[in-house]
Amino acid sequence: MILSQLASRTALASIFLLGGKSQVENAEYIGGAVSSVAKKYNLLVEGTQVAKLSGITMATLGTTLALGVAPRTSAVVLAGMLVPTTVIGHPFWSMEDGAEKTNHTISAIKNLSIIGGLLHLATKK
């Protein structure tokens, strides 16, 4: 294994390790946002449990990505998970102009950049 591959996978995975842990620890808060979106679309889900499961999954896939265990599969699934995470967690399009909208816009663009890196990794031979 090339050291640069390990370093790049670990760097990309680090946000999922930290973010996954944070989702589990703050599942009640995050679950509230999940529940409100679920209610809007008549989905029968319990937001806190979804947040915990999402956090555990992200941390697990972040670990497999960093270790090089099924890195392409891990990258694709993580990229897919970031889409609803971004839509639910950073709805900048529904906010009035101001600092909060700016912060959420930046976070959404960062997630888009991470998705790009994951998809690059997933398609790289």
Foldseek 3Di string as FASTA:
>chain_A
DDPVQLVVLLVLLVCLQVVLVVLLVCLVVQLVLVVVVCVVVVHPDRSSVVSNVLSVLSNVLSVCSSVVNPVLVSLVVVLVSLVVVLVSVQVLVPDDDDDSSVVSVVVSVVSVVSNVVSNCVNPPD
